[in-house]
N, C-alpha and C. Protein backbone atom coordinates (compact mmCIF):
# COMPACT_ATOMS: atom_id res chain seq x y z
N UNK A 1 -15.06 -14.06 -17.40
CA UNK A 1 -15.02 -14.85 -16.18
C UNK A 1 -13.72 -15.66 -16.17
N UNK A 2 -13.04 -15.66 -15.05
CA UNK A 2 -11.79 -16.40 -14.94
C UNK A 2 -12.05 -17.90 -14.86
N UNK A 3 -11.05 -18.72 -15.20
CA UNK A 3 -11.23 -20.18 -15.09
C UNK A 3 -11.60 -20.61 -13.67
N UNK A 4 -11.02 -19.96 -12.66
CA UNK A 4 -11.36 -20.33 -11.28
C UNK A 4 -12.79 -19.95 -10.97
N UNK A 5 -13.22 -18.76 -11.38
CA UNK A 5 -14.59 -18.32 -11.14
C UNK A 5 -15.58 -19.30 -11.75
N UNK A 6 -15.31 -19.72 -12.96
CA UNK A 6 -16.17 -20.68 -13.65
C UNK A 6 -16.18 -22.02 -12.92
N UNK A 7 -14.99 -22.47 -12.49
CA UNK A 7 -14.90 -23.76 -11.79
C UNK A 7 -15.66 -23.71 -10.46
N UNK A 8 -15.46 -22.66 -9.69
CA UNK A 8 -16.12 -22.53 -8.39
C UNK A 8 -17.64 -22.51 -8.55
N UNK A 9 -18.12 -21.73 -9.50
CA UNK A 9 -19.57 -21.66 -9.73
C UNK A 9 -20.11 -23.03 -10.15
N UNK A 10 -19.42 -23.69 -11.08
CA UNK A 10 -19.86 -25.01 -11.53
C UNK A 10 -19.84 -26.04 -10.42
N UNK A 11 -18.82 -25.99 -9.59
CA UNK A 11 -18.70 -26.92 -8.46
C UNK A 11 -19.88 -26.74 -7.50
N UNK A 12 -20.16 -25.50 -7.20
CA UNK A 12 -21.26 -25.20 -6.29
C UNK A 12 -22.60 -25.63 -6.88
N UNK A 13 -22.79 -25.40 -8.18
CA UNK A 13 -24.05 -25.78 -8.84
C UNK A 13 -24.21 -27.30 -8.88
N UNK A 14 -23.12 -28.03 -9.18
CA UNK A 14 -23.18 -29.50 -9.24
C UNK A 14 -23.57 -30.09 -7.89
N UNK A 15 -23.18 -29.43 -6.82
CA UNK A 15 -23.49 -29.92 -5.48
C UNK A 15 -24.78 -29.30 -4.91
N UNK A 16 -25.39 -28.41 -5.68
CA UNK A 16 -26.66 -27.83 -5.27
C UNK A 16 -26.59 -27.05 -3.97
N UNK A 17 -25.54 -26.27 -3.83
CA UNK A 17 -25.36 -25.50 -2.60
C UNK A 17 -25.32 -24.01 -2.93
N UNK A 18 -25.97 -23.21 -2.12
CA UNK A 18 -26.00 -21.77 -2.33
C UNK A 18 -24.73 -21.12 -1.79
N UNK A 19 -24.44 -19.92 -2.27
CA UNK A 19 -23.25 -19.20 -1.81
C UNK A 19 -23.27 -19.00 -0.30
N UNK A 20 -24.42 -18.62 0.22
CA UNK A 20 -24.54 -18.36 1.66
C UNK A 20 -24.20 -19.62 2.46
N UNK A 21 -24.69 -20.76 2.01
CA UNK A 21 -24.43 -22.03 2.71
C UNK A 21 -22.96 -22.39 2.65
N UNK A 22 -22.37 -22.28 1.46
CA UNK A 22 -20.95 -22.62 1.31
C UNK A 22 -20.09 -21.68 2.15
N UNK A 23 -20.41 -20.41 2.12
CA UNK A 23 -19.63 -19.43 2.89
C UNK A 23 -19.67 -19.77 4.37
N UNK A 24 -20.82 -20.12 4.86
CA UNK A 24 -20.95 -20.46 6.28
C UNK A 24 -20.17 -21.72 6.62
N UNK A 25 -20.22 -22.70 5.76
CA UNK A 25 -19.54 -23.99 6.01
C UNK A 25 -18.02 -23.82 6.03
N UNK A 26 -17.49 -23.06 5.09
CA UNK A 26 -16.01 -22.95 5.01
C UNK A 26 -15.46 -21.73 5.74
N UNK A 27 -16.35 -20.90 6.28
CA UNK A 27 -15.89 -19.79 7.12
C UNK A 27 -15.47 -18.54 6.39
N UNK A 28 -16.14 -18.23 5.30
CA UNK A 28 -15.87 -17.00 4.56
C UNK A 28 -17.17 -16.23 4.38
N UNK A 29 -17.06 -14.97 4.03
CA UNK A 29 -18.24 -14.14 3.78
C UNK A 29 -18.84 -14.51 2.43
N UNK A 30 -20.16 -14.42 2.35
CA UNK A 30 -20.86 -14.69 1.09
C UNK A 30 -20.43 -13.69 0.02
N UNK A 31 -20.16 -12.46 0.41
CA UNK A 31 -19.76 -11.43 -0.55
C UNK A 31 -18.40 -11.78 -1.18
N UNK A 32 -17.52 -12.43 -0.39
CA UNK A 32 -16.23 -12.86 -0.93
C UNK A 32 -16.43 -13.95 -1.97
N UNK A 33 -17.30 -14.92 -1.66
CA UNK A 33 -17.59 -15.98 -2.64
C UNK A 33 -18.19 -15.40 -3.91
N UNK A 34 -19.09 -14.46 -3.75
CA UNK A 34 -19.69 -13.81 -4.91
C UNK A 34 -18.63 -13.12 -5.77
N UNK A 35 -17.72 -12.41 -5.13
CA UNK A 35 -16.64 -11.73 -5.86
C UNK A 35 -15.75 -12.73 -6.59
N UNK A 36 -15.49 -13.87 -5.95
CA UNK A 36 -14.69 -14.91 -6.61
C UNK A 36 -15.41 -15.45 -7.83
N UNK A 37 -16.69 -15.72 -7.69
CA UNK A 37 -17.46 -16.29 -8.80
C UNK A 37 -17.65 -15.31 -9.95
N UNK A 38 -17.65 -14.04 -9.66
CA UNK A 38 -17.78 -13.03 -10.70
C UNK A 38 -16.42 -12.68 -11.33
N UNK A 39 -15.35 -13.21 -10.74
CA UNK A 39 -14.01 -12.93 -11.25
C UNK A 39 -13.48 -11.58 -10.83
N UNK A 40 -14.11 -10.96 -9.85
CA UNK A 40 -13.66 -9.65 -9.38
C UNK A 40 -12.45 -9.76 -8.47
N UNK A 41 -12.28 -10.91 -7.86
CA UNK A 41 -11.12 -11.18 -7.00
C UNK A 41 -10.19 -12.13 -7.73
N UNK A 42 -8.90 -11.99 -7.45
CA UNK A 42 -7.94 -12.92 -8.00
C UNK A 42 -8.06 -14.28 -7.33
N UNK A 43 -7.19 -15.20 -7.70
CA UNK A 43 -7.26 -16.54 -7.10
C UNK A 43 -7.15 -16.47 -5.58
N UNK A 44 -7.88 -17.36 -4.89
CA UNK A 44 -7.88 -17.35 -3.43
C UNK A 44 -6.61 -18.00 -2.85
N UNK A 45 -6.54 -17.98 -1.53
CA UNK A 45 -5.39 -18.55 -0.82
C UNK A 45 -5.45 -20.08 -0.85
N UNK A 46 -4.34 -20.69 -0.50
CA UNK A 46 -4.28 -22.16 -0.40
C UNK A 46 -5.24 -22.66 0.67
N UNK A 47 -5.40 -21.88 1.72
CA UNK A 47 -6.32 -22.26 2.80
C UNK A 47 -7.74 -22.40 2.25
N UNK A 48 -8.17 -21.44 1.44
CA UNK A 48 -9.49 -21.47 0.84
C UNK A 48 -9.63 -22.70 -0.05
N UNK A 49 -8.63 -22.94 -0.88
CA UNK A 49 -8.64 -24.09 -1.80
C UNK A 49 -8.75 -25.39 -1.01
N UNK A 50 -7.95 -25.51 0.05
CA UNK A 50 -7.98 -26.73 0.86
C UNK A 50 -9.35 -26.95 1.50
N UNK A 51 -9.99 -25.87 1.92
CA UNK A 51 -11.34 -25.99 2.50
C UNK A 51 -12.34 -26.45 1.45
N UNK A 52 -12.20 -25.95 0.22
CA UNK A 52 -13.08 -26.40 -0.86
C UNK A 52 -12.89 -27.89 -1.13
N UNK A 53 -11.62 -28.30 -1.22
CA UNK A 53 -11.31 -29.70 -1.48
C UNK A 53 -11.92 -30.60 -0.41
N UNK A 54 -11.77 -30.18 0.83
CA UNK A 54 -12.30 -30.97 1.94
C UNK A 54 -13.82 -30.98 1.93
N UNK A 55 -14.44 -29.80 1.76
CA UNK A 55 -15.90 -29.69 1.79
C UNK A 55 -16.55 -30.54 0.72
N UNK A 56 -15.99 -30.52 -0.49
CA UNK A 56 -16.62 -31.24 -1.60
C UNK A 56 -15.98 -32.61 -1.83
N UNK A 57 -15.03 -32.97 -0.98
CA UNK A 57 -14.37 -34.28 -1.08
C UNK A 57 -13.93 -34.53 -2.53
N UNK A 58 -13.16 -33.60 -3.08
CA UNK A 58 -12.76 -33.67 -4.49
C UNK A 58 -11.77 -34.80 -4.74
N UNK A 59 -11.97 -35.50 -5.84
CA UNK A 59 -11.05 -36.57 -6.24
C UNK A 59 -9.74 -35.92 -6.69
N UNK A 60 -8.72 -36.73 -6.90
CA UNK A 60 -7.43 -36.18 -7.31
C UNK A 60 -7.53 -35.51 -8.68
N UNK A 61 -8.33 -36.06 -9.59
CA UNK A 61 -8.48 -35.42 -10.90
C UNK A 61 -9.24 -34.09 -10.77
N UNK A 62 -10.24 -34.04 -9.89
CA UNK A 62 -10.96 -32.79 -9.65
C UNK A 62 -10.05 -31.76 -8.99
N UNK A 63 -9.19 -32.21 -8.09
CA UNK A 63 -8.23 -31.31 -7.45
C UNK A 63 -7.26 -30.74 -8.48
N UNK A 64 -6.81 -31.59 -9.41
CA UNK A 64 -5.91 -31.13 -10.47
C UNK A 64 -6.57 -30.05 -11.32
N UNK A 65 -7.83 -30.28 -11.69
CA UNK A 65 -8.57 -29.28 -12.47
C UNK A 65 -8.72 -27.98 -11.70
N UNK A 66 -9.02 -28.09 -10.42
CA UNK A 66 -9.17 -26.92 -9.57
C UNK A 66 -7.86 -26.13 -9.51
N UNK A 67 -6.76 -26.82 -9.27
CA UNK A 67 -5.47 -26.14 -9.16
C UNK A 67 -5.04 -25.51 -10.49
N UNK A 68 -5.35 -26.17 -11.60
CA UNK A 68 -5.05 -25.58 -12.91
C UNK A 68 -5.89 -24.32 -13.14
N UNK A 69 -7.15 -24.37 -12.72
CA UNK A 69 -8.02 -23.20 -12.86
C UNK A 69 -7.50 -22.03 -12.01
N UNK A 70 -7.01 -22.35 -10.81
CA UNK A 70 -6.44 -21.32 -9.94
C UNK A 70 -5.22 -20.70 -10.62
N UNK A 71 -4.34 -21.54 -11.13
CA UNK A 71 -3.11 -21.06 -11.77
C UNK A 71 -3.43 -20.22 -13.01
N UNK A 72 -4.39 -20.69 -13.80
CA UNK A 72 -4.75 -19.97 -15.03
C UNK A 72 -5.42 -18.64 -14.73
N UNK A 73 -5.94 -18.47 -13.52
CA UNK A 73 -6.65 -17.25 -13.16
C UNK A 73 -5.75 -16.18 -12.57
N UNK A 74 -4.47 -16.46 -12.46
CA UNK A 74 -3.52 -15.48 -11.92
C UNK A 74 -3.46 -14.30 -12.88
N UNK A 75 -3.59 -13.09 -12.35
CA UNK A 75 -3.65 -11.89 -13.18
C UNK A 75 -2.30 -11.20 -13.37
N UNK A 76 -1.36 -11.51 -12.53
CA UNK A 76 -0.07 -10.81 -12.60
C UNK A 76 0.99 -11.74 -13.17
N UNK A 77 1.88 -11.16 -13.98
CA UNK A 77 2.96 -11.91 -14.58
C UNK A 77 4.27 -11.21 -14.26
N UNK A 78 5.25 -11.96 -13.83
CA UNK A 78 6.57 -11.41 -13.54
C UNK A 78 7.51 -11.86 -14.65
N UNK A 79 8.20 -10.92 -15.23
CA UNK A 79 9.15 -11.23 -16.30
C UNK A 79 10.53 -11.41 -15.69
N UNK A 80 11.18 -12.53 -16.01
CA UNK A 80 12.53 -12.77 -15.52
C UNK A 80 13.46 -11.66 -16.02
N UNK A 81 14.44 -11.32 -15.21
CA UNK A 81 15.33 -10.22 -15.56
C UNK A 81 16.30 -10.58 -16.68
N UNK A 82 16.55 -11.86 -16.91
CA UNK A 82 17.55 -12.24 -17.90
C UNK A 82 16.97 -12.63 -19.25
N UNK A 83 15.76 -12.17 -19.57
CA UNK A 83 15.19 -12.46 -20.88
C UNK A 83 15.54 -11.33 -21.85
N UNK A 84 15.46 -11.64 -23.12
CA UNK A 84 15.74 -10.65 -24.16
C UNK A 84 14.72 -9.51 -24.09
N UNK A 85 15.13 -8.32 -24.44
CA UNK A 85 14.23 -7.18 -24.34
C UNK A 85 13.01 -7.30 -25.25
N UNK A 86 13.08 -8.15 -26.28
CA UNK A 86 11.92 -8.38 -27.13
C UNK A 86 10.74 -8.94 -26.32
N UNK A 87 11.04 -9.68 -25.26
CA UNK A 87 9.99 -10.22 -24.40
C UNK A 87 9.27 -9.06 -23.71
N UNK A 88 10.02 -8.08 -23.23
CA UNK A 88 9.41 -6.92 -22.59
C UNK A 88 8.49 -6.19 -23.56
N UNK A 89 8.95 -5.99 -24.81
CA UNK A 89 8.13 -5.29 -25.81
C UNK A 89 6.89 -6.11 -26.17
N UNK A 90 7.05 -7.42 -26.26
CA UNK A 90 5.90 -8.26 -26.56
C UNK A 90 4.87 -8.16 -25.44
N UNK A 91 5.31 -8.23 -24.20
CA UNK A 91 4.39 -8.14 -23.06
C UNK A 91 3.74 -6.75 -23.00
N UNK A 92 4.49 -5.72 -23.34
CA UNK A 92 3.93 -4.38 -23.40
C UNK A 92 2.80 -4.31 -24.42
N UNK A 93 3.07 -4.82 -25.62
CA UNK A 93 2.04 -4.82 -26.68
C UNK A 93 0.83 -5.64 -26.24
N UNK A 94 1.07 -6.76 -25.61
CA UNK A 94 -0.02 -7.62 -25.18
C UNK A 94 -0.89 -6.92 -24.12
N UNK A 95 -0.24 -6.24 -23.16
CA UNK A 95 -1.00 -5.51 -22.13
C UNK A 95 -1.90 -4.45 -22.75
N UNK A 96 -1.39 -3.75 -23.74
CA UNK A 96 -2.16 -2.68 -24.38
C UNK A 96 -3.33 -3.26 -25.18
N UNK A 97 -3.09 -4.33 -25.89
CA UNK A 97 -4.10 -4.87 -26.81
C UNK A 97 -5.00 -5.95 -26.20
N UNK A 98 -4.69 -6.39 -25.01
CA UNK A 98 -5.44 -7.48 -24.39
C UNK A 98 -6.95 -7.26 -24.37
N UNK A 99 -7.43 -6.08 -23.99
CA UNK A 99 -8.89 -5.90 -23.92
C UNK A 99 -9.61 -6.04 -25.26
N UNK A 100 -8.89 -5.85 -26.36
CA UNK A 100 -9.56 -5.86 -27.67
C UNK A 100 -9.26 -7.09 -28.51
N UNK A 101 -8.54 -8.08 -27.95
CA UNK A 101 -8.21 -9.28 -28.71
C UNK A 101 -9.47 -10.06 -29.06
N UNK A 102 -9.52 -10.54 -30.29
CA UNK A 102 -10.64 -11.38 -30.71
C UNK A 102 -10.33 -12.83 -30.35
N UNK A 103 -11.36 -13.66 -30.44
CA UNK A 103 -11.18 -15.08 -30.14
C UNK A 103 -10.16 -15.70 -31.08
N UNK A 104 -10.20 -15.32 -32.34
CA UNK A 104 -9.25 -15.86 -33.32
C UNK A 104 -7.82 -15.45 -32.97
N UNK A 105 -7.62 -14.20 -32.60
CA UNK A 105 -6.28 -13.75 -32.22
C UNK A 105 -5.77 -14.52 -31.00
N UNK A 106 -6.63 -14.74 -30.03
CA UNK A 106 -6.24 -15.50 -28.83
C UNK A 106 -5.86 -16.92 -29.22
N UNK A 107 -6.65 -17.53 -30.09
CA UNK A 107 -6.35 -18.90 -30.54
C UNK A 107 -5.02 -18.94 -31.28
N UNK A 108 -4.75 -17.94 -32.12
CA UNK A 108 -3.49 -17.90 -32.87
C UNK A 108 -2.29 -17.75 -31.94
N UNK A 109 -2.42 -16.92 -30.92
CA UNK A 109 -1.33 -16.75 -29.95
C UNK A 109 -1.08 -18.07 -29.23
N UNK A 110 -2.14 -18.75 -28.83
CA UNK A 110 -1.99 -20.04 -28.13
C UNK A 110 -1.38 -21.09 -29.05
N UNK A 111 -1.73 -21.07 -30.33
CA UNK A 111 -1.13 -22.00 -31.29
C UNK A 111 0.36 -21.70 -31.42
N UNK A 112 0.70 -20.41 -31.53
CA UNK A 112 2.10 -20.02 -31.64
C UNK A 112 2.89 -20.47 -30.42
N UNK A 113 2.30 -20.35 -29.24
CA UNK A 113 2.99 -20.79 -28.02
C UNK A 113 3.17 -22.31 -28.02
N UNK A 114 2.27 -23.02 -28.65
CA UNK A 114 2.36 -24.47 -28.73
C UNK A 114 3.41 -24.95 -29.71
N UNK A 115 3.94 -24.07 -30.54
CA UNK A 115 4.96 -24.45 -31.52
C UNK A 115 6.33 -24.64 -30.90
N UNK A 116 6.46 -24.38 -29.64
CA UNK A 116 7.74 -24.40 -28.92
C UNK A 116 8.58 -25.64 -29.24
N UNK A 117 7.99 -26.82 -29.20
CA UNK A 117 8.76 -28.04 -29.40
C UNK A 117 9.31 -28.15 -30.82
N UNK A 118 8.55 -27.72 -31.82
CA UNK A 118 9.02 -27.85 -33.19
C UNK A 118 10.05 -26.77 -33.55
N UNK A 119 10.19 -25.76 -32.72
CA UNK A 119 11.13 -24.68 -32.99
C UNK A 119 12.48 -24.86 -32.30
N UNK A 120 12.68 -25.99 -31.63
CA UNK A 120 13.95 -26.21 -30.92
C UNK A 120 15.15 -26.21 -31.84
N UNK A 121 14.95 -26.44 -33.14
CA UNK A 121 16.06 -26.47 -34.08
C UNK A 121 16.59 -25.07 -34.39
N UNK A 122 15.79 -24.04 -34.10
CA UNK A 122 16.23 -22.67 -34.35
C UNK A 122 17.01 -22.15 -33.14
N UNK A 123 18.07 -21.37 -33.40
CA UNK A 123 18.84 -20.84 -32.26
C UNK A 123 18.03 -19.82 -31.46
N UNK A 124 18.27 -19.81 -30.17
CA UNK A 124 17.61 -18.84 -29.31
C UNK A 124 18.34 -17.51 -29.41
N UNK A 125 17.62 -16.43 -29.17
CA UNK A 125 18.22 -15.10 -29.17
C UNK A 125 19.02 -14.97 -27.88
N UNK A 126 20.29 -14.61 -28.02
CA UNK A 126 21.10 -14.49 -26.81
C UNK A 126 20.85 -13.15 -26.14
N UNK A 127 21.00 -13.17 -24.85
CA UNK A 127 20.79 -11.97 -24.06
C UNK A 127 22.14 -11.36 -23.75
N UNK A 128 22.29 -10.09 -24.07
CA UNK A 128 23.54 -9.40 -23.78
C UNK A 128 23.51 -8.95 -22.34
N UNK A 129 24.47 -9.41 -21.58
CA UNK A 129 24.53 -9.02 -20.18
C UNK A 129 25.68 -8.06 -19.96
N UNK A 130 25.43 -7.07 -19.14
CA UNK A 130 26.46 -6.10 -18.83
C UNK A 130 27.37 -6.65 -17.74
N UNK A 131 28.66 -6.40 -17.92
CA UNK A 131 29.61 -6.83 -16.91
C UNK A 131 29.69 -5.75 -15.84
N UNK A 132 29.52 -6.17 -14.61
CA UNK A 132 29.58 -5.22 -13.50
C UNK A 132 31.02 -5.11 -13.00
N UNK A 133 31.40 -3.90 -12.64
CA UNK A 133 32.73 -3.69 -12.09
C UNK A 133 32.71 -3.94 -10.60
N UNK A 134 33.80 -4.40 -10.11
CA UNK A 134 33.93 -4.54 -8.66
C UNK A 134 34.22 -3.15 -8.09
N UNK A 135 33.95 -3.01 -6.81
CA UNK A 135 34.13 -1.71 -6.18
C UNK A 135 35.56 -1.21 -6.34
N UNK A 136 36.53 -2.13 -6.22
CA UNK A 136 37.93 -1.68 -6.30
C UNK A 136 38.32 -1.27 -7.71
N UNK A 137 37.55 -1.70 -8.75
CA UNK A 137 37.84 -1.33 -10.12
C UNK A 137 37.25 0.01 -10.51
N UNK A 138 36.26 0.48 -9.77
CA UNK A 138 35.56 1.70 -10.12
C UNK A 138 36.41 2.92 -9.79
N UNK A 139 36.73 3.71 -10.81
CA UNK A 139 37.53 4.94 -10.53
C UNK A 139 36.66 5.99 -9.88
N UNK A 140 37.24 6.74 -9.03
CA UNK A 140 36.51 7.81 -8.32
C UNK A 140 36.90 9.15 -8.86
């Protein structure tokens, strides 16, 4: 279950409202809400989020949690073009192994990502960029 799916379900349960009722109030189909809560759909639009915030009169801290859950539930990742190719290989390996990762492996990866600040003393891997020729330099 995605963080957003969990948050939406919990929000609805805390307020004691059924999917059908919420769908009618905010103007969406009940089947769409069900898909969101099951994690079958990716994060919803800003319009949907704003309607939830308004309907449940969410405090600023609740809104922050909601927005973090939406962000964490994004399924697609875009790799910047100017990163070292090791990043591409790492992402490739992660895509292949993602379905079989254990809880411990996930925790270790998150710990490694948290080491960022203590690793600032180590040099970064430089990215080799190709120099492009101008049209007038290109021999025909």
